[in-house]
N, C-alpha and C. Protein backbone atom coordinates (compact mmCIF):
# COMPACT_ATOMS: atom_id res chain seq x y z
N UNK A 1 -53.45 5.10 38.58
CA UNK A 1 -51.65 4.65 38.82
C UNK A 1 -51.05 5.32 37.66
N UNK A 2 -51.35 4.43 36.60
CA UNK A 2 -50.32 4.99 35.34
C UNK A 2 -50.45 6.12 35.20
N UNK A 3 -51.69 6.97 35.21
CA UNK A 3 -51.54 8.34 35.04
C UNK A 3 -50.57 9.39 35.99
N UNK A 4 -50.58 8.85 37.15
CA UNK A 4 -49.82 9.68 38.07
C UNK A 4 -48.27 9.28 37.62
N UNK A 5 -48.03 8.11 37.46
CA UNK A 5 -46.42 7.72 36.75
C UNK A 5 -46.18 8.84 35.97
N UNK A 6 -47.10 8.82 34.67
CA UNK A 6 -46.82 9.49 33.61
C UNK A 6 -46.56 11.03 33.99
N UNK A 7 -47.57 11.69 34.54
CA UNK A 7 -47.30 13.02 35.32
C UNK A 7 -46.11 13.12 35.93
N UNK A 8 -45.44 12.06 36.79
CA UNK A 8 -44.26 12.28 37.25
C UNK A 8 -43.06 12.27 36.29
N UNK A 9 -43.38 11.52 35.32
CA UNK A 9 -42.32 11.24 34.39
C UNK A 9 -42.20 12.62 33.56
N UNK A 10 -43.38 13.35 33.54
CA UNK A 10 -43.38 14.57 32.65
C UNK A 10 -42.63 15.23 33.62
N UNK A 11 -43.08 15.64 35.01
CA UNK A 11 -42.48 16.86 35.59
C UNK A 11 -40.70 16.41 35.57
N UNK A 12 -40.59 14.90 35.71
CA UNK A 12 -39.01 14.69 35.85
C UNK A 12 -38.09 15.09 34.38
N UNK A 13 -38.85 14.90 33.41
CA UNK A 13 -38.43 15.51 32.04
C UNK A 13 -38.02 16.80 31.85
N UNK A 14 -38.53 17.50 32.70
CA UNK A 14 -37.82 19.00 32.66
C UNK A 14 -36.89 19.45 33.51
N UNK A 15 -36.52 18.09 34.05
CA UNK A 15 -34.88 18.30 34.91
C UNK A 15 -35.53 18.89 36.16
N UNK A 16 -34.62 19.75 37.00
CA UNK A 16 -35.02 20.10 38.37
C UNK A 16 -35.26 21.69 38.09
N UNK A 17 -36.73 21.66 38.39
CA UNK A 17 -37.19 22.87 38.30
C UNK A 17 -37.66 23.28 39.50
N UNK A 18 -37.57 24.82 39.81
CA UNK A 18 -37.81 25.47 41.07
C UNK A 18 -39.63 25.53 40.66
N UNK A 19 -40.23 25.66 41.95
CA UNK A 19 -41.59 25.97 41.74
C UNK A 19 -41.69 27.13 40.83
N UNK A 20 -41.22 27.86 40.84
CA UNK A 20 -41.57 29.21 40.03
C UNK A 20 -41.51 29.01 38.42
N UNK A 21 -40.50 27.92 37.97
CA UNK A 21 -40.31 27.72 36.77
C UNK A 21 -41.22 26.95 35.84
N UNK A 22 -42.07 26.32 36.73
CA UNK A 22 -43.17 25.36 36.14
C UNK A 22 -44.75 25.70 36.57
N UNK A 23 -45.59 25.72 35.47
CA UNK A 23 -47.02 25.61 35.75
C UNK A 23 -47.76 24.53 35.27
N UNK A 24 -48.65 24.04 36.22
CA UNK A 24 -49.22 22.62 36.01
C UNK A 24 -50.60 22.94 36.21
N UNK A 25 -51.41 21.49 35.26
CA UNK A 25 -52.94 21.56 35.57
C UNK A 25 -53.01 20.09 35.29
N UNK A 26 -54.04 19.52 35.94
CA UNK A 26 -54.59 18.34 35.82
C UNK A 26 -56.13 18.21 35.33
N UNK A 27 -56.28 19.55 35.07
CA UNK A 27 -57.93 19.38 34.39
C UNK A 27 -57.93 20.41 33.34
N UNK A 28 -57.24 20.25 32.60
CA UNK A 28 -57.10 20.99 30.94
C UNK A 28 -58.20 20.49 30.40
N UNK A 29 -58.77 21.16 29.45
CA UNK A 29 -60.04 20.83 28.74
C UNK A 29 -59.65 20.77 27.27
N UNK A 30 -59.98 19.41 26.81
CA UNK A 30 -59.65 19.06 25.51
C UNK A 30 -61.11 19.03 24.61
N UNK A 31 -61.28 19.41 23.64
CA UNK A 31 -62.63 19.09 22.87
C UNK A 31 -62.13 18.67 21.48
N UNK A 32 -62.84 17.50 21.02
CA UNK A 32 -62.71 17.25 19.44
C UNK A 32 -63.85 17.20 18.56
N UNK A 33 -63.73 17.23 17.57
CA UNK A 33 -64.99 17.17 16.53
C UNK A 33 -64.76 16.95 15.70
N UNK A 34 -65.48 15.61 14.81
CA UNK A 34 -65.29 15.22 13.72
C UNK A 34 -66.80 15.15 12.92
N UNK A 35 -67.30 16.01 13.05
CA UNK A 35 -68.86 16.14 12.77
C UNK A 35 -68.70 16.49 11.04
N UNK A 36 -69.89 15.90 10.27
CA UNK A 36 -70.20 16.25 9.23
C UNK A 36 -71.23 16.92 8.83
N UNK A 37 -71.75 17.97 8.29
CA UNK A 37 -73.04 18.62 7.93
C UNK A 37 -74.05 17.34 7.63
N UNK A 38 -75.06 17.48 8.54
CA UNK A 38 -76.09 16.95 7.91
C UNK A 38 -76.36 15.71 8.52
N UNK A 39 -75.33 15.41 9.49
CA UNK A 39 -75.25 14.07 10.28
C UNK A 39 -75.24 14.38 11.74
N UNK A 40 -75.50 13.52 12.45
CA UNK A 40 -75.44 13.63 13.76
C UNK A 40 -73.90 14.13 14.42
N UNK A 41 -74.17 14.90 15.34
CA UNK A 41 -72.84 15.46 15.91
C UNK A 41 -71.75 14.39 16.52
N UNK A 42 -70.52 14.65 16.02
CA UNK A 42 -69.51 13.64 16.68
C UNK A 42 -68.28 14.41 17.10
N UNK A 43 -68.70 14.52 18.62
CA UNK A 43 -68.00 15.40 19.31
C UNK A 43 -67.84 15.17 20.84
N UNK A 44 -66.71 15.06 21.46
CA UNK A 44 -66.66 14.44 22.80
C UNK A 44 -65.63 15.66 23.29
N UNK A 45 -65.66 15.63 24.85
CA UNK A 45 -65.02 16.65 25.79
C UNK A 45 -64.23 15.58 26.76
N UNK A 46 -63.25 16.27 27.14
CA UNK A 46 -62.42 15.41 28.47
C UNK A 46 -61.97 16.93 29.38
N UNK A 47 -62.18 16.67 30.48
CA UNK A 47 -61.64 17.87 31.46
C UNK A 47 -60.56 17.33 32.53
N UNK A 48 -59.93 16.63 31.63
CA UNK A 48 -58.78 15.54 32.53
C UNK A 48 -57.55 15.53 31.85
N UNK A 49 -57.27 16.49 31.15
CA UNK A 49 -55.94 16.67 30.73
C UNK A 49 -54.77 17.21 31.49
N UNK A 50 -53.84 16.71 31.35
CA UNK A 50 -52.55 17.12 32.32
C UNK A 50 -51.41 18.10 31.65
N UNK A 51 -51.28 19.17 31.89
CA UNK A 51 -50.30 19.94 31.28
C UNK A 51 -49.24 20.69 32.17
N UNK A 52 -47.98 20.56 31.44
CA UNK A 52 -47.08 20.99 32.40
C UNK A 52 -45.95 21.78 31.54
N UNK A 53 -45.74 23.23 32.02
CA UNK A 53 -45.03 24.27 31.22
C UNK A 53 -44.25 24.61 31.91
N UNK A 54 -42.68 24.63 31.22
CA UNK A 54 -41.62 25.02 32.06
C UNK A 54 -41.41 26.65 31.54
N UNK A 55 -41.60 27.84 32.62
CA UNK A 55 -41.96 28.96 32.16
C UNK A 55 -40.52 29.51 32.03
N UNK A 56 -39.48 28.87 31.98
CA UNK A 56 -38.23 29.34 31.87
C UNK A 56 -37.76 29.16 30.47
N UNK A 57 -38.22 28.01 29.79
CA UNK A 57 -37.83 27.57 28.51
C UNK A 57 -38.98 27.34 27.60
N UNK A 58 -40.08 27.56 28.04
CA UNK A 58 -41.63 27.56 26.88
C UNK A 58 -41.64 25.97 26.56
N UNK A 59 -40.79 25.09 26.93
CA UNK A 59 -41.07 23.74 26.89
C UNK A 59 -42.36 23.26 27.70
N UNK A 60 -43.43 22.71 26.81
CA UNK A 60 -44.47 22.17 27.01
C UNK A 60 -44.90 20.92 27.05
N UNK A 61 -45.70 20.19 27.91
CA UNK A 61 -45.78 18.59 27.66
C UNK A 61 -47.69 18.52 27.90
N UNK A 62 -47.85 17.19 27.70
CA UNK A 62 -49.41 16.96 27.93
C UNK A 62 -49.55 15.67 27.92
N UNK A 63 -50.61 15.33 28.69
CA UNK A 63 -51.14 13.84 28.56
C UNK A 63 -52.79 13.87 28.90
N UNK A 64 -53.18 12.78 28.15
CA UNK A 64 -54.90 12.76 28.08
C UNK A 64 -54.77 11.42 28.14
N UNK A 65 -55.63 10.82 28.89
CA UNK A 65 -56.13 9.24 28.94
C UNK A 65 -57.35 9.44 27.61
N UNK A 66 -57.36 8.75 26.75
CA UNK A 66 -58.68 8.77 25.85
C UNK A 66 -59.67 8.37 26.19
N UNK A 67 -59.73 7.57 27.17
CA UNK A 67 -61.16 7.12 27.76
C UNK A 67 -61.61 7.75 28.68
N UNK A 68 -60.98 9.14 28.81
CA UNK A 68 -61.68 10.40 29.67
C UNK A 68 -62.48 11.04 28.76
N UNK A 69 -62.62 10.86 27.52
CA UNK A 69 -63.48 11.85 26.58
C UNK A 69 -64.99 11.24 26.72
N UNK A 70 -65.76 12.28 26.83
CA UNK A 70 -67.23 11.86 27.13
C UNK A 70 -68.06 12.32 25.89
N UNK A 71 -68.92 11.57 25.48
CA UNK A 71 -69.81 11.91 24.17
C UNK A 71 -71.20 12.23 24.93
N UNK A 72 -72.05 12.67 23.90
CA UNK A 72 -73.32 13.00 24.39
C UNK A 72 -74.24 11.62 24.24
N UNK A 73 -73.48 10.53 23.11
CA UNK A 73 -74.32 9.62 23.10
C UNK A 73 -73.19 8.19 23.34
N UNK A 74 -73.49 7.16 24.42
CA UNK A 74 -73.03 6.36 25.21
C UNK A 74 -72.58 5.34 23.85
N UNK A 75 -73.18 5.21 23.02
CA UNK A 75 -72.88 3.97 22.04
C UNK A 75 -71.78 4.78 21.08
N UNK A 76 -71.70 6.07 20.82
CA UNK A 76 -70.51 6.58 19.97
C UNK A 76 -69.33 6.73 20.96
N UNK A 77 -69.52 7.04 21.99
CA UNK A 77 -68.07 6.48 23.10
C UNK A 77 -67.74 5.17 22.63
N UNK A 78 -68.55 4.15 23.27
CA UNK A 78 -68.06 2.73 22.97
C UNK A 78 -67.34 2.51 21.69
N UNK A 79 -68.06 3.16 20.56
CA UNK A 79 -67.68 2.75 19.38
C UNK A 79 -66.14 3.59 19.14
N UNK A 80 -65.96 4.74 19.61
CA UNK A 80 -64.59 5.70 19.71
C UNK A 80 -63.73 4.72 20.65
N UNK A 81 -63.81 3.95 21.62
CA UNK A 81 -62.68 3.51 22.18
C UNK A 81 -62.55 2.30 21.66
N UNK A 82 -63.44 1.37 21.13
CA UNK A 82 -63.40 0.23 20.72
C UNK A 82 -62.76 0.06 19.54
N UNK A 83 -63.42 0.80 18.66
CA UNK A 83 -63.30 0.87 17.17
C UNK A 83 -62.31 1.65 16.48
N UNK A 84 -62.36 2.77 17.17
CA UNK A 84 -61.58 3.84 16.31
C UNK A 84 -60.06 4.25 16.94
N UNK A 85 -60.25 4.64 18.31
CA UNK A 85 -58.89 4.97 19.07
C UNK A 85 -58.32 3.70 19.61
N UNK A 86 -59.13 2.76 19.69
CA UNK A 86 -58.63 1.18 20.46
C UNK A 86 -57.91 1.63 21.83
N UNK A 87 -58.44 2.31 22.72
CA UNK A 87 -58.16 2.89 23.89
C UNK A 87 -57.75 1.55 24.88
N UNK A 88 -57.99 0.60 24.62
CA UNK A 88 -57.11 -0.63 25.49
C UNK A 88 -55.79 -0.74 25.18
N UNK A 89 -55.68 -0.51 23.89
CA UNK A 89 -53.92 -0.94 23.07
C UNK A 89 -53.50 0.27 23.12
N UNK A 90 -54.05 1.79 23.13
CA UNK A 90 -53.33 3.03 22.89
C UNK A 90 -53.96 3.86 24.06
N UNK A 91 -53.92 3.53 25.20
CA UNK A 91 -54.54 4.24 26.38
C UNK A 91 -54.32 5.67 26.15
N UNK A 92 -53.58 6.19 25.75
CA UNK A 92 -53.24 7.93 25.88
C UNK A 92 -52.82 8.73 24.77
N UNK A 93 -52.97 9.76 24.73
CA UNK A 93 -52.44 10.54 23.90
C UNK A 93 -51.29 11.55 24.57
N UNK A 94 -50.34 11.80 23.90
CA UNK A 94 -49.20 12.83 24.52
C UNK A 94 -48.88 14.01 23.46
N UNK A 95 -48.30 14.88 24.28
CA UNK A 95 -47.53 15.97 23.28
C UNK A 95 -46.55 16.72 24.21
N UNK A 96 -45.61 16.63 23.40
CA UNK A 96 -44.28 17.35 23.83
C UNK A 96 -43.72 18.18 22.96
N UNK A 97 -43.42 19.41 23.65
CA UNK A 97 -43.10 20.49 22.56
C UNK A 97 -42.26 21.77 23.03
N UNK A 98 -42.78 22.59 22.35
CA UNK A 98 -41.76 24.42 22.66
C UNK A 98 -42.77 25.42 22.21
N UNK A 99 -43.13 26.23 23.19
CA UNK A 99 -43.92 27.59 22.64
C UNK A 99 -42.64 28.56 22.17
N UNK A 100 -42.92 28.63 20.64
CA UNK A 100 -41.85 29.67 20.14
C UNK A 100 -41.66 30.88 20.54
N UNK A 101 -40.60 31.59 20.96
CA UNK A 101 -40.37 32.82 21.33
C UNK A 101 -41.29 33.22 22.89
N UNK A 102 -41.13 32.24 23.66
CA UNK A 102 -42.17 32.20 24.91
C UNK A 102 -41.24 33.05 25.95
N UNK A 103 -41.63 34.20 26.47
CA UNK A 103 -41.16 34.62 27.59
C UNK A 103 -42.46 35.14 28.56
N UNK A 104 -42.02 34.37 29.67
CA UNK A 104 -43.18 34.73 30.71
C UNK A 104 -43.27 36.37 31.08
N UNK A 105 -42.16 37.05 30.89
CA UNK A 105 -42.22 38.51 31.75
C UNK A 105 -43.00 39.16 30.53
N UNK A 106 -43.15 38.75 29.17
CA UNK A 106 -44.01 39.17 28.10
C UNK A 106 -45.47 39.21 28.21
N UNK A 107 -46.15 38.09 29.09
CA UNK A 107 -47.30 37.93 28.89
C UNK A 107 -48.10 38.94 29.73
N UNK A 108 -49.08 38.92 29.58
CA UNK A 108 -50.07 40.14 30.23
C UNK A 108 -51.75 39.48 30.36
N UNK A 109 -52.66 40.23 31.06
CA UNK A 109 -53.76 39.89 31.02
C UNK A 109 -54.42 39.74 29.63
N UNK A 110 -54.01 40.49 28.29
CA UNK A 110 -54.66 40.33 26.94
C UNK A 110 -53.54 38.94 26.43
N UNK A 111 -54.52 38.22 25.73
CA UNK A 111 -54.15 37.15 25.17
C UNK A 111 -53.10 37.66 23.79
N UNK A 112 -51.87 36.89 23.99
CA UNK A 112 -51.02 36.89 22.65
C UNK A 112 -50.99 35.67 21.69
N UNK A 113 -50.75 35.97 20.63
CA UNK A 113 -50.68 34.70 19.59
C UNK A 113 -49.48 34.08 19.73
N UNK A 114 -49.33 32.56 19.86
CA UNK A 114 -48.13 32.10 19.79
C UNK A 114 -48.22 30.69 18.85
N UNK A 115 -46.93 30.21 18.40
CA UNK A 115 -47.06 28.82 17.88
C UNK A 115 -46.29 27.86 18.54
N UNK A 116 -46.84 26.79 18.83
CA UNK A 116 -46.61 25.62 19.94
C UNK A 116 -45.81 24.55 18.92
N UNK A 117 -44.74 24.26 18.96
CA UNK A 117 -44.26 23.15 17.65
C UNK A 117 -43.89 22.06 18.73
N UNK A 118 -44.33 20.74 18.04
CA UNK A 118 -43.83 19.44 19.05
C UNK A 118 -44.50 18.42 18.39
N UNK A 119 -44.17 17.36 18.99
CA UNK A 119 -44.51 15.89 18.61
C UNK A 119 -45.93 15.50 19.35
N UNK A 120 -47.18 14.98 18.62
CA UNK A 120 -48.41 14.80 19.16
C UNK A 120 -48.17 13.16 18.86
N UNK A 121 -48.63 12.26 19.70
CA UNK A 121 -48.48 10.85 19.84
C UNK A 121 -49.96 10.15 20.10
N UNK A 122 -50.52 9.85 19.30
CA UNK A 122 -51.86 9.19 19.30
C UNK A 122 -52.05 7.63 18.45
N UNK A 123 -52.59 7.01 18.91
CA UNK A 123 -52.75 5.56 18.63
C UNK A 123 -51.64 4.82 17.90
N UNK A 124 -50.68 5.15 18.87
CA UNK A 124 -49.34 4.88 18.63
C UNK A 124 -48.68 5.45 17.66
N UNK A 125 -48.76 6.22 16.79
CA UNK A 125 -48.10 7.14 15.90
C UNK A 125 -47.85 8.53 16.43
N UNK A 126 -46.69 9.07 15.90
CA UNK A 126 -46.03 10.39 16.35
C UNK A 126 -45.96 11.22 15.01
N UNK A 127 -46.71 12.54 15.18
CA UNK A 127 -46.62 13.48 13.84
C UNK A 127 -46.08 14.65 14.55
N UNK A 128 -45.19 15.53 13.72
CA UNK A 128 -44.85 16.78 14.33
C UNK A 128 -45.93 17.63 13.97
N UNK A 129 -46.40 18.75 14.85
CA UNK A 129 -47.60 19.53 14.68
C UNK A 129 -47.18 21.02 14.98
N UNK A 130 -47.63 21.75 14.49
CA UNK A 130 -47.78 23.21 14.92
C UNK A 130 -48.99 23.68 15.27
N UNK A 131 -49.18 24.23 16.49
CA UNK A 131 -50.43 24.24 17.19
C UNK A 131 -50.47 26.09 17.60
N UNK A 132 -51.18 26.64 16.77
CA UNK A 132 -51.51 28.25 16.88
C UNK A 132 -52.35 28.38 18.46
N UNK A 133 -51.90 29.05 19.28
CA UNK A 133 -52.44 29.18 20.66
C UNK A 133 -52.61 30.55 20.89
N UNK A 134 -53.39 31.09 22.07
CA UNK A 134 -53.44 32.24 22.66
C UNK A 134 -53.04 32.22 23.89
N UNK A 135 -52.18 32.66 24.37
CA UNK A 135 -51.47 32.46 25.88
C UNK A 135 -51.60 33.86 26.32
N UNK A 136 -52.24 33.81 27.83
CA UNK A 136 -52.07 35.11 28.63
C UNK A 136 -51.96 34.72 29.91
N UNK A 137 -51.65 35.84 30.81
CA UNK A 137 -51.73 35.60 32.52
C UNK A 137 -53.32 35.78 32.91
N UNK A 138 -53.13 35.33 33.89
CA UNK A 138 -54.37 35.50 34.87
C UNK A 138 -54.24 35.41 36.21
N UNK A 139 -53.80 36.90 36.63
CA UNK A 139 -53.20 36.45 38.05
C UNK A 139 -51.65 36.05 38.04
N UNK A 140 -51.56 34.69 38.68
CA UNK A 140 -50.29 34.10 38.74
C UNK A 140 -50.37 32.82 37.75
N UNK A 141 -51.69 32.87 37.14
CA UNK A 141 -51.89 31.56 36.31
C UNK A 141 -51.47 31.93 35.06
N UNK A 142 -51.55 30.87 34.17
CA UNK A 142 -51.39 31.05 32.66
C UNK A 142 -52.23 30.31 32.04
N UNK A 143 -53.07 31.10 30.82
CA UNK A 143 -54.23 30.58 30.21
C UNK A 143 -53.86 30.06 28.95
N UNK A 144 -53.98 28.83 28.55
CA UNK A 144 -53.67 28.61 26.98
C UNK A 144 -54.97 28.19 26.32
N UNK A 145 -55.37 28.69 25.27
CA UNK A 145 -56.27 28.47 24.50
C UNK A 145 -55.76 28.17 23.11
N UNK A 146 -56.21 26.86 22.57
CA UNK A 146 -55.57 26.71 21.20
C UNK A 146 -56.71 25.82 20.32
N UNK A 147 -56.62 26.00 18.88
CA UNK A 147 -57.42 25.14 18.09
C UNK A 147 -56.64 24.91 17.16
N UNK A 148 -56.57 23.35 16.74
CA UNK A 148 -56.19 23.16 15.52
C UNK A 148 -56.60 21.73 15.02
N UNK A 149 -56.18 21.26 13.72
CA UNK A 149 -56.80 20.35 12.91
C UNK A 149 -55.69 18.93 13.00
N UNK A 150 -56.20 17.75 12.97
CA UNK A 150 -55.29 16.56 12.74
C UNK A 150 -56.17 15.54 11.71
N UNK A 151 -55.52 14.97 10.84
CA UNK A 151 -56.24 14.06 10.27
C UNK A 151 -56.06 12.50 10.61
N UNK A 152 -57.05 11.79 10.77
CA UNK A 152 -56.82 10.37 11.28
C UNK A 152 -56.06 9.55 10.61
N UNK A 153 -55.93 9.71 9.10
CA UNK A 153 -54.96 8.96 8.44
C UNK A 153 -53.73 8.99 8.70
N UNK A 154 -53.13 10.10 9.51
CA UNK A 154 -51.90 10.54 9.97
C UNK A 154 -51.53 9.73 11.09
N UNK A 155 -52.77 9.33 12.01
CA UNK A 155 -52.51 8.32 13.00
C UNK A 155 -52.83 6.84 12.97
N UNK A 156 -53.18 6.71 11.76
CA UNK A 156 -53.68 5.15 11.41
C UNK A 156 -54.82 4.87 11.91
N UNK A 157 -55.69 5.60 12.17
CA UNK A 157 -57.05 5.33 12.76
C UNK A 157 -58.06 5.47 11.37
N UNK A 158 -58.76 3.77 11.59
CA UNK A 158 -59.59 3.63 10.31
C UNK A 158 -60.93 3.99 10.64
N UNK A 159 -61.40 4.73 9.81
CA UNK A 159 -63.18 5.05 10.07
C UNK A 159 -63.68 3.91 8.99
N UNK A 160 -64.61 2.85 9.63
CA UNK A 160 -65.27 2.14 8.86
C UNK A 160 -65.83 2.58 7.63
N UNK A 161 -65.74 1.78 6.50
CA UNK A 161 -66.67 2.51 5.32
C UNK A 161 -68.13 2.64 5.54
N UNK A 162 -68.86 2.18 6.56
CA UNK A 162 -70.20 1.92 6.76
C UNK A 162 -70.75 3.55 7.46
N UNK A 163 -69.65 3.95 8.13
CA UNK A 163 -69.65 5.33 8.70
C UNK A 163 -68.90 6.55 7.95
N UNK A 164 -68.26 6.18 7.19
CA UNK A 164 -67.15 7.13 6.35
C UNK A 164 -67.68 8.31 6.03
N UNK A 165 -69.01 8.32 5.69
CA UNK A 165 -69.68 9.59 5.14
C UNK A 165 -70.16 10.46 6.27
N UNK A 166 -70.36 9.95 7.79
CA UNK A 166 -70.91 10.51 8.67
C UNK A 166 -69.70 11.23 9.62
N UNK A 167 -68.29 10.60 9.28
CA UNK A 167 -67.36 11.36 10.31
C UNK A 167 -66.55 11.65 9.45
N UNK A 168 -66.08 12.72 9.79
CA UNK A 168 -64.78 13.52 8.93
C UNK A 168 -63.51 12.99 9.43
N UNK A 169 -62.44 12.88 8.63
CA UNK A 169 -61.18 12.23 8.52
C UNK A 169 -60.34 13.57 9.25
N UNK A 170 -61.02 14.94 8.96
CA UNK A 170 -60.22 16.15 9.39
C UNK A 170 -60.77 16.25 11.16
N UNK A 171 -60.13 16.25 11.77
CA UNK A 171 -60.75 16.19 13.17
C UNK A 171 -60.36 17.75 13.90
N UNK A 172 -61.34 18.45 14.40
CA UNK A 172 -61.15 19.78 14.87
C UNK A 172 -60.63 19.62 16.59
N UNK A 173 -59.54 19.71 17.15
CA UNK A 173 -59.26 19.75 18.51
C UNK A 173 -59.13 21.26 19.20
N UNK A 174 -59.80 21.72 20.22
CA UNK A 174 -59.43 22.62 20.53
C UNK A 174 -59.01 22.26 22.12
N UNK A 175 -57.98 23.18 22.87
CA UNK A 175 -57.62 23.09 24.01
C UNK A 175 -58.06 24.37 24.86
N UNK A 176 -58.21 24.18 26.15
CA UNK A 176 -58.79 25.20 27.13
C UNK A 176 -58.21 24.96 28.55
N UNK A 177 -56.87 25.47 28.86
CA UNK A 177 -56.34 25.13 30.21
C UNK A 177 -55.61 26.29 30.85
N UNK A 178 -55.74 26.38 32.26
CA UNK A 178 -55.36 27.14 32.80
C UNK A 178 -54.19 26.55 34.12
N UNK A 179 -53.08 26.89 33.84
CA UNK A 179 -52.00 26.26 34.47
C UNK A 179 -51.66 26.95 35.77
N UNK A 180 -51.40 26.42 36.64
CA UNK A 180 -51.17 27.19 38.16
C UNK A 180 -49.62 27.16 38.87
């Protein structure tokens, strides 16, 4: 229910848009990895991210419920939710920003490089980020692929000293989404 309300709020935040000026997905994929060489992989994936793009302005917003991330090892998932991200207290991560120099008419089947500037909110903290992305058309859909890094210290996420050598503070995030 909370997710549905937030998606509705995201759509409203773009004002009154016609069907042609927005593209949406509720099945965007986000993967993050905080692995350290020689130790067990620290990686999770979710295919439940919501993305909304205003194709007239290049404004983009995203929401993901942090409990939707899945790890290979259930105990890692439990520690992620309870000890690191505190998902009961901070249930979602959001992004709101704008794609630099975005023009729908300039997109083609070949991916083009763009920068997406905005605010990432995670774990109760907000940080300005610039996300390099490749964007292309696929029929009537828009495909966005991006990869960037965040530092857990920027979001007040503590890594316990007992595992600090096994979990990287620099987290690699990848995004793959097709907006319809």
